[in-house]
Amino acid sequence: ASRRWLPARTPDVAVPVGYLALAVWLTH
């Protein structure tokens, strides 16, 4: 069901990028 509205690998890229952005913000 989740792949109906997201390409198969989108979360596996977006989630780590989100973690990275959060870590950068926490150390800014």
PDB file of all heavy atoms in Angstrom:
ATOM      1  N   ALA A   1       0.823  -1.202   0.000  1.00  0.00           N
ATOM      2  CA  ALA A   1       0.000   0.000   0.000  1.00  0.00           C
ATOM      3  C   ALA A   1       0.858   1.253   0.000  1.00  0.00           C
ATOM      4  O   ALA A   1       0.548   2.238  -0.672  1.00  0.00           O
ATOM      5  CB  ALA A   1      -0.925  -0.011   1.227  1.00  0.00           C
ATOM      6  N   SER A   2       1.972   1.224   0.754  1.00  0.00           N
ATOM      7  CA  SER A   2       2.809   2.423   0.813  1.00  0.00           C
ATOM      8  C   SER A   2       3.465   2.714  -0.516  1.00  0.00           C
ATOM      9  O   SER A   2       3.746   3.863  -0.835  1.00  0.00           O
ATOM     10  CB  SER A   2       3.877   2.251   1.908  1.00  0.00           C
ATOM     11  OG  SER A   2       4.815   1.269   1.526  1.00  0.00           O
ATOM     12  N   ARG A   3       3.699   1.669  -1.310  1.00  0.00           N
ATOM     13  CA  ARG A   3       4.372   1.883  -2.583  1.00  0.00           C
ATOM     14  C   ARG A   3       3.443   2.436  -3.651  1.00  0.00           C
ATOM     15  O   ARG A   3       3.867   2.751  -4.740  1.00  0.00           O
ATOM     16  CB  ARG A   3       4.988   0.565  -3.050  1.00  0.00           C
ATOM     17  CG  ARG A   3       6.163   0.133  -2.169  1.00  0.00           C
ATOM     18  CD  ARG A   3       6.784  -1.158  -2.648  1.00  0.00           C
ATOM     19  NE  ARG A   3       7.903  -1.540  -1.799  1.00  0.00           N
ATOM     20  CZ  ARG A   3       8.626  -2.638  -1.977  1.00  0.00           C
ATOM     21  NH1 ARG A   3       8.344  -3.464  -2.972  1.00  0.00           N
ATOM     22  NH2 ARG A   3       9.618  -2.928  -1.160  1.00  0.00           N
ATOM     23  N   ARG A   4       2.164   2.531  -3.356  1.00  0.00           N
ATOM     24  CA  ARG A   4       1.248   3.111  -4.324  1.00  0.00           C
ATOM     25  C   ARG A   4       1.476   4.607  -4.493  1.00  0.00           C
ATOM     26  O   ARG A   4       1.177   5.159  -5.528  1.00  0.00           O
ATOM     27  CB  ARG A   4      -0.191   2.845  -3.867  1.00  0.00           C
ATOM     28  CG  ARG A   4      -0.596   1.375  -3.936  1.00  0.00           C
ATOM     29  CD  ARG A   4      -1.994   1.186  -3.400  1.00  0.00           C
ATOM     30  NE  ARG A   4      -2.412  -0.216  -3.489  1.00  0.00           N
ATOM     31  CZ  ARG A   4      -3.541  -0.673  -2.990  1.00  0.00           C
ATOM     32  NH1 ARG A   4      -4.370   0.158  -2.354  1.00  0.00           N
ATOM     33  NH2 ARG A   4      -3.853  -1.956  -3.098  1.00  0.00           N
ATOM     34  N   TRP A   5       1.942   5.228  -3.412  1.00  0.00           N
ATOM     35  CA  TRP A   5       2.122   6.687  -3.502  1.00  0.00           C
ATOM     36  C   TRP A   5       3.566   7.117  -3.338  1.00  0.00           C
ATOM     37  O   TRP A   5       3.872   8.286  -3.370  1.00  0.00           O
ATOM     38  CB  TRP A   5       1.243   7.378  -2.475  1.00  0.00           C
ATOM     39  CG  TRP A   5       1.459   6.924  -1.063  1.00  0.00           C
ATOM     40  CD1 TRP A   5       0.914   5.842  -0.441  1.00  0.00           C
ATOM     41  CD2 TRP A   5       2.277   7.564  -0.080  1.00  0.00           C
ATOM     42  NE1 TRP A   5       1.343   5.740   0.857  1.00  0.00           N
ATOM     43  CE2 TRP A   5       2.167   6.803   1.103  1.00  0.00           C
ATOM     44  CE3 TRP A   5       3.088   8.705  -0.084  1.00  0.00           C
ATOM     45  CZ2 TRP A   5       2.840   7.138   2.265  1.00  0.00           C
ATOM     46  CZ3 TRP A   5       3.748   9.044   1.063  1.00  0.00           C
ATOM     47  CH2 TRP A   5       3.634   8.263   2.232  1.00  0.00           C
ATOM     48  N   LEU A   6       4.483   6.152  -3.136  1.00  0.00           N
ATOM     49  CA  LEU A   6       5.901   6.466  -3.070  1.00  0.00           C
ATOM     50  C   LEU A   6       6.689   5.472  -3.915  1.00  0.00           C
ATOM     51  O   LEU A   6       6.387   4.275  -3.886  1.00  0.00           O
ATOM     52  CB  LEU A   6       6.409   6.374  -1.625  1.00  0.00           C
ATOM     53  CG  LEU A   6       6.136   7.559  -0.689  1.00  0.00           C
ATOM     54  CD1 LEU A   6       6.626   7.203   0.709  1.00  0.00           C
ATOM     55  CD2 LEU A   6       6.795   8.823  -1.179  1.00  0.00           C
ATOM     56  N   PRO A   7       7.679   5.924  -4.666  1.00  0.00           N
ATOM     57  CA  PRO A   7       8.557   4.970  -5.331  1.00  0.00           C
ATOM     58  C   PRO A   7       9.182   4.037  -4.315  1.00  0.00           C
ATOM     59  O   PRO A   7       9.362   4.390  -3.143  1.00  0.00           O
ATOM     60  CB  PRO A   7       9.614   5.869  -5.999  1.00  0.00           C
ATOM     61  CG  PRO A   7       8.937   7.192  -6.145  1.00  0.00           C
ATOM     62  CD  PRO A   7       8.015   7.316  -4.978  1.00  0.00           C
ATOM     63  N   ALA A   8       9.539   2.841  -4.722  1.00  0.00           N
ATOM     64  CA  ALA A   8       9.953   1.789  -3.797  1.00  0.00           C
ATOM     65  C   ALA A   8      11.098   2.222  -2.897  1.00  0.00           C
ATOM     66  O   ALA A   8      11.113   1.907  -1.709  1.00  0.00           O
ATOM     67  CB  ALA A   8      10.346   0.542  -4.595  1.00  0.00           C
ATOM     68  N   ARG A   9      12.080   2.928  -3.407  1.00  0.00           N
ATOM     69  CA  ARG A   9      13.272   3.242  -2.639  1.00  0.00           C
ATOM     70  C   ARG A   9      13.248   4.638  -2.021  1.00  0.00           C
ATOM     71  O   ARG A   9      14.193   5.026  -1.352  1.00  0.00           O
ATOM     72  CB  ARG A   9      14.509   3.117  -3.534  1.00  0.00           C
ATOM     73  CG  ARG A   9      14.795   1.689  -3.974  1.00  0.00           C
ATOM     74  CD  ARG A   9      15.095   0.805  -2.777  1.00  0.00           C
ATOM     75  NE  ARG A   9      15.344  -0.576  -3.148  1.00  0.00           N
ATOM     76  CZ  ARG A   9      15.564  -1.549  -2.278  1.00  0.00           C
ATOM     77  NH1 ARG A   9      15.530  -1.281  -0.981  1.00  0.00           N
ATOM     78  NH2 ARG A   9      15.783  -2.780  -2.696  1.00  0.00           N
ATOM     79  N   THR A  10      12.176   5.386  -2.236  1.00  0.00           N
ATOM     80  CA  THR A  10      12.144   6.757  -1.720  1.00  0.00           C
ATOM     81  C   THR A  10      12.331   6.829  -0.212  1.00  0.00           C
ATOM     82  O   THR A  10      13.156   7.611   0.276  1.00  0.00           O
ATOM     83  CB  THR A  10      10.831   7.449  -2.123  1.00  0.00           C
ATOM     84  OG1 THR A  10      10.771   7.535  -3.545  1.00  0.00           O
ATOM     85  CG2 THR A  10      10.757   8.854  -1.528  1.00  0.00           C
ATOM     86  N   PRO A  11      11.605   6.036   0.605  1.00  0.00           N
ATOM     87  CA  PRO A  11      11.820   6.127   2.057  1.00  0.00           C
ATOM     88  C   PRO A  11      13.234   5.767   2.478  1.00  0.00           C
ATOM     89  O   PRO A  11      13.781   6.380   3.409  1.00  0.00           O
ATOM     90  CB  PRO A  11      10.797   5.129   2.618  1.00  0.00           C
ATOM     91  CG  PRO A  11       9.783   4.963   1.551  1.00  0.00           C
ATOM     92  CD  PRO A  11      10.529   5.099   0.265  1.00  0.00           C
ATOM     93  N   ASP A  12      13.830   4.799   1.810  1.00  0.00           N
ATOM     94  CA  ASP A  12      15.166   4.356   2.194  1.00  0.00           C
ATOM     95  C   ASP A  12      16.221   5.414   1.921  1.00  0.00           C
ATOM     96  O   ASP A  12      17.343   5.324   2.441  1.00  0.00           O
ATOM     97  CB  ASP A  12      15.532   3.065   1.463  1.00  0.00           C
ATOM     98  CG  ASP A  12      14.637   1.908   1.877  1.00  0.00           C
ATOM     99  OD1 ASP A  12      14.059   1.984   2.974  1.00  0.00           O
ATOM    100  OD2 ASP A  12      14.508   0.943   1.103  1.00  0.00           O
ATOM    101  N   VAL A  13      15.892   6.395   1.118  1.00  0.00           N
ATOM    102  CA  VAL A  13      16.774   7.540   0.904  1.00  0.00           C
ATOM    103  C   VAL A  13      16.343   8.718   1.762  1.00  0.00           C
ATOM    104  O   VAL A  13      17.162   9.362   2.422  1.00  0.00           O
ATOM    105  CB  VAL A  13      16.793   7.947  -0.588  1.00  0.00           C
ATOM    106  CG1 VAL A  13      17.607   9.218  -0.787  1.00  0.00           C
ATOM    107  CG2 VAL A  13      17.336   6.806  -1.441  1.00  0.00           C
ATOM    108  N   ALA A  14      15.045   8.983   1.766  1.00  0.00           N
ATOM    109  CA  ALA A  14      14.537  10.168   2.468  1.00  0.00           C
ATOM    110  C   ALA A  14      14.723  10.078   3.975  1.00  0.00           C
ATOM    111  O   ALA A  14      15.050  11.084   4.634  1.00  0.00           O
ATOM    112  CB  ALA A  14      13.052  10.374   2.138  1.00  0.00           C
ATOM    113  N   VAL A  15      14.523   8.909   4.555  1.00  0.00           N
ATOM    114  CA  VAL A  15      14.630   8.778   6.013  1.00  0.00           C
ATOM    115  C   VAL A  15      16.053   9.052   6.495  1.00  0.00           C
ATOM    116  O   VAL A  15      16.257   9.866   7.401  1.00  0.00           O
ATOM    117  CB  VAL A  15      14.123   7.396   6.465  1.00  0.00           C
ATOM    118  CG1 VAL A  15      14.441   7.169   7.943  1.00  0.00           C
ATOM    119  CG2 VAL A  15      12.619   7.289   6.242  1.00  0.00           C
ATOM    120  N   PRO A  16      17.098   8.420   5.929  1.00  0.00           N
ATOM    121  CA  PRO A  16      18.451   8.764   6.364  1.00  0.00           C
ATOM    122  C   PRO A  16      18.817  10.224   6.120  1.00  0.00           C
ATOM    123  O   PRO A  16      19.533  10.828   6.932  1.00  0.00           O
ATOM    124  CB  PRO A  16      19.340   7.821   5.534  1.00  0.00           C
ATOM    125  CG  PRO A  16      18.459   6.653   5.226  1.00  0.00           C
ATOM    126  CD  PRO A  16      17.105   7.246   5.018  1.00  0.00           C
ATOM    127  N   VAL A  17      18.341  10.787   5.015  1.00  0.00           N
ATOM    128  CA  VAL A  17      18.596  12.221   4.767  1.00  0.00           C
ATOM    129  C   VAL A  17      17.941  13.066   5.854  1.00  0.00           C
ATOM    130  O   VAL A  17      18.506  14.050   6.332  1.00  0.00           O
ATOM    131  CB  VAL A  17      18.091  12.626   3.370  1.00  0.00           C
ATOM    132  CG1 VAL A  17      18.108  14.142   3.205  1.00  0.00           C
ATOM    133  CG2 VAL A  17      18.954  11.980   2.291  1.00  0.00           C
ATOM    134  N   GLY A  18      16.735  12.674   6.263  1.00  0.00           N
ATOM    135  CA  GLY A  18      16.078  13.376   7.352  1.00  0.00           C
ATOM    136  C   GLY A  18      16.854  13.282   8.650  1.00  0.00           C
ATOM    137  O   GLY A  18      16.995  14.265   9.395  1.00  0.00           O
ATOM    138  N   TYR A  19      17.372  12.086   8.959  1.00  0.00           N
ATOM    139  CA  TYR A  19      18.207  11.929  10.152  1.00  0.00           C
ATOM    140  C   TYR A  19      19.433  12.838  10.078  1.00  0.00           C
ATOM    141  O   TYR A  19      19.818  13.473  11.070  1.00  0.00           O
ATOM    142  CB  TYR A  19      18.687  10.477  10.279  1.00  0.00           C
ATOM    143  CG  TYR A  19      17.627   9.456  10.561  1.00  0.00           C
ATOM    144  CD1 TYR A  19      17.808   8.125  10.160  1.00  0.00           C
ATOM    145  CD2 TYR A  19      16.455   9.767  11.240  1.00  0.00           C
ATOM    146  CE1 TYR A  19      16.861   7.147  10.424  1.00  0.00           C
ATOM    147  CE2 TYR A  19      15.492   8.796  11.501  1.00  0.00           C
ATOM    148  CZ  TYR A  19      15.702   7.491  11.094  1.00  0.00           C
ATOM    149  OH  TYR A  19      14.762   6.527  11.347  1.00  0.00           O
ATOM    150  N   LEU A  20      20.060  12.871   8.908  1.00  0.00           N
ATOM    151  CA  LEU A  20      21.261  13.693   8.742  1.00  0.00           C
ATOM    152  C   LEU A  20      20.935  15.171   8.940  1.00  0.00           C
ATOM    153  O   LEU A  20      21.680  15.901   9.618  1.00  0.00           O
ATOM    154  CB  LEU A  20      21.857  13.453   7.354  1.00  0.00           C
ATOM    155  CG  LEU A  20      23.155  14.195   7.033  1.00  0.00           C
ATOM    156  CD1 LEU A  20      24.267  13.758   7.961  1.00  0.00           C
ATOM    157  CD2 LEU A  20      23.559  13.951   5.575  1.00  0.00           C
ATOM    158  N   ALA A  21      19.823  15.621   8.365  1.00  0.00           N
ATOM    159  CA  ALA A  21      19.433  17.024   8.520  1.00  0.00           C
ATOM    160  C   ALA A  21      19.163  17.354   9.982  1.00  0.00           C
ATOM    161  O   ALA A  21      19.554  18.428  10.477  1.00  0.00           O
ATOM    162  CB  ALA A  21      18.191  17.311   7.675  1.00  0.00           C
ATOM    163  N   LEU A  22      18.523  16.444  10.694  1.00  0.00           N
ATOM    164  CA  LEU A  22      18.256  16.677  12.116  1.00  0.00           C
ATOM    165  C   LEU A  22      19.555  16.759  12.898  1.00  0.00           C
ATOM    166  O   LEU A  22      19.718  17.647  13.759  1.00  0.00           O
ATOM    167  CB  LEU A  22      17.383  15.544  12.658  1.00  0.00           C
ATOM    168  CG  LEU A  22      17.068  15.584  14.166  1.00  0.00           C
ATOM    169  CD1 LEU A  22      16.387  16.885  14.554  1.00  0.00           C
ATOM    170  CD2 LEU A  22      16.217  14.377  14.563  1.00  0.00           C
ATOM    171  N   ALA A  23      20.502  15.884  12.622  1.00  0.00           N
ATOM    172  CA  ALA A  23      21.780  15.909  13.332  1.00  0.00           C
ATOM    173  C   ALA A  23      22.548  17.201  13.052  1.00  0.00           C
ATOM    174  O   ALA A  23      23.171  17.774  13.960  1.00  0.00           O
ATOM    175  CB  ALA A  23      22.617  14.687  12.940  1.00  0.00           C
ATOM    176  N   VAL A  24      22.517  17.653  11.815  1.00  0.00           N
ATOM    177  CA  VAL A  24      23.189  18.925  11.482  1.00  0.00           C
ATOM    178  C   VAL A  24      22.540  20.076  12.235  1.00  0.00           C
ATOM    179  O   VAL A  24      23.229  20.951  12.778  1.00  0.00           O
ATOM    180  CB  VAL A  24      23.146  19.165   9.957  1.00  0.00           C
ATOM    181  CG1 VAL A  24      23.619  20.574   9.625  1.00  0.00           C
ATOM    182  CG2 VAL A  24      24.001  18.131   9.233  1.00  0.00           C
ATOM    183  N   TRP A  25      21.213  20.086  12.291  1.00  0.00           N
ATOM    184  CA  TRP A  25      20.515  21.162  13.004  1.00  0.00           C
ATOM    185  C   TRP A  25      20.840  21.126  14.499  1.00  0.00           C
ATOM    186  O   TRP A  25      21.040  22.177  15.125  1.00  0.00           O
ATOM    187  CB  TRP A  25      19.011  21.027  12.794  1.00  0.00           C
ATOM    188  CG  TRP A  25      18.221  22.053  13.548  1.00  0.00           C
ATOM    189  CD1 TRP A  25      18.132  23.395  13.277  1.00  0.00           C
ATOM    190  CD2 TRP A  25      17.416  21.822  14.716  1.00  0.00           C
ATOM    191  NE1 TRP A  25      17.321  24.008  14.200  1.00  0.00           N
ATOM    192  CE2 TRP A  25      16.862  23.078  15.090  1.00  0.00           C
ATOM    193  CE3 TRP A  25      17.094  20.704  15.456  1.00  0.00           C
ATOM    194  CZ2 TRP A  25      16.019  23.209  16.195  1.00  0.00           C
ATOM    195  CZ3 TRP A  25      16.260  20.835  16.553  1.00  0.00           C
ATOM    196  CH2 TRP A  25      15.729  22.080  16.911  1.00  0.00           C
ATOM    197  N   LEU A  26      20.927  19.955  15.074  1.00  0.00           N
ATOM    198  CA  LEU A  26      21.211  19.846  16.508  1.00  0.00           C
ATOM    199  C   LEU A  26      22.608  20.350  16.855  1.00  0.00           C
ATOM    200  O   LEU A  26      22.856  20.761  17.991  1.00  0.00           O
ATOM    201  CB  LEU A  26      21.070  18.390  16.961  1.00  0.00           C
ATOM    202  CG  LEU A  26      19.656  17.817  16.968  1.00  0.00           C
ATOM    203  CD1 LEU A  26      19.678  16.331  17.287  1.00  0.00           C
ATOM    204  CD2 LEU A  26      18.781  18.548  17.977  1.00  0.00           C
ATOM    205  N   THR A  27      23.516  20.344  15.901  1.00  0.00           N
ATOM    206  CA  THR A  27      24.890  20.789  16.163  1.00  0.00           C
ATOM    207  C   THR A  27      25.183  22.176  15.604  1.00  0.00           C
ATOM    208  O   THR A  27      26.330  22.631  15.669  1.00  0.00           O
ATOM    209  CB  THR A  27      25.889  19.796  15.549  1.00  0.00           C
ATOM    210  OG1 THR A  27      25.646  19.671  14.138  1.00  0.00           O
ATOM    211  CG2 THR A  27      25.756  18.418  16.181  1.00  0.00           C
ATOM    212  N   HIS A  28      24.161  22.876  15.088  1.00  0.00           N
ATOM    213  CA  HIS A  28      24.433  24.101  14.320  1.00  0.00           C
ATOM    214  C   HIS A  28      25.021  25.226  15.163  1.00  0.00           C
ATOM    215  O   HIS A  28      25.641  26.145  14.620  1.00  0.00           O
ATOM    216  CB  HIS A  28      23.150  24.586  13.636  1.00  0.00           C
ATOM    217  CG  HIS A  28      22.207  25.333  14.542  1.00  0.00           C
ATOM    218  ND1 HIS A  28      21.239  24.698  15.291  1.00  0.00           N
ATOM    219  CD2 HIS A  28      22.089  26.660  14.819  1.00  0.00           C
ATOM    220  CE1 HIS A  28      20.563  25.598  15.988  1.00  0.00           C
ATOM    221  NE2 HIS A  28      21.060  26.791  15.720  1.00  0.00           N
TER     222      HIS A  28
END
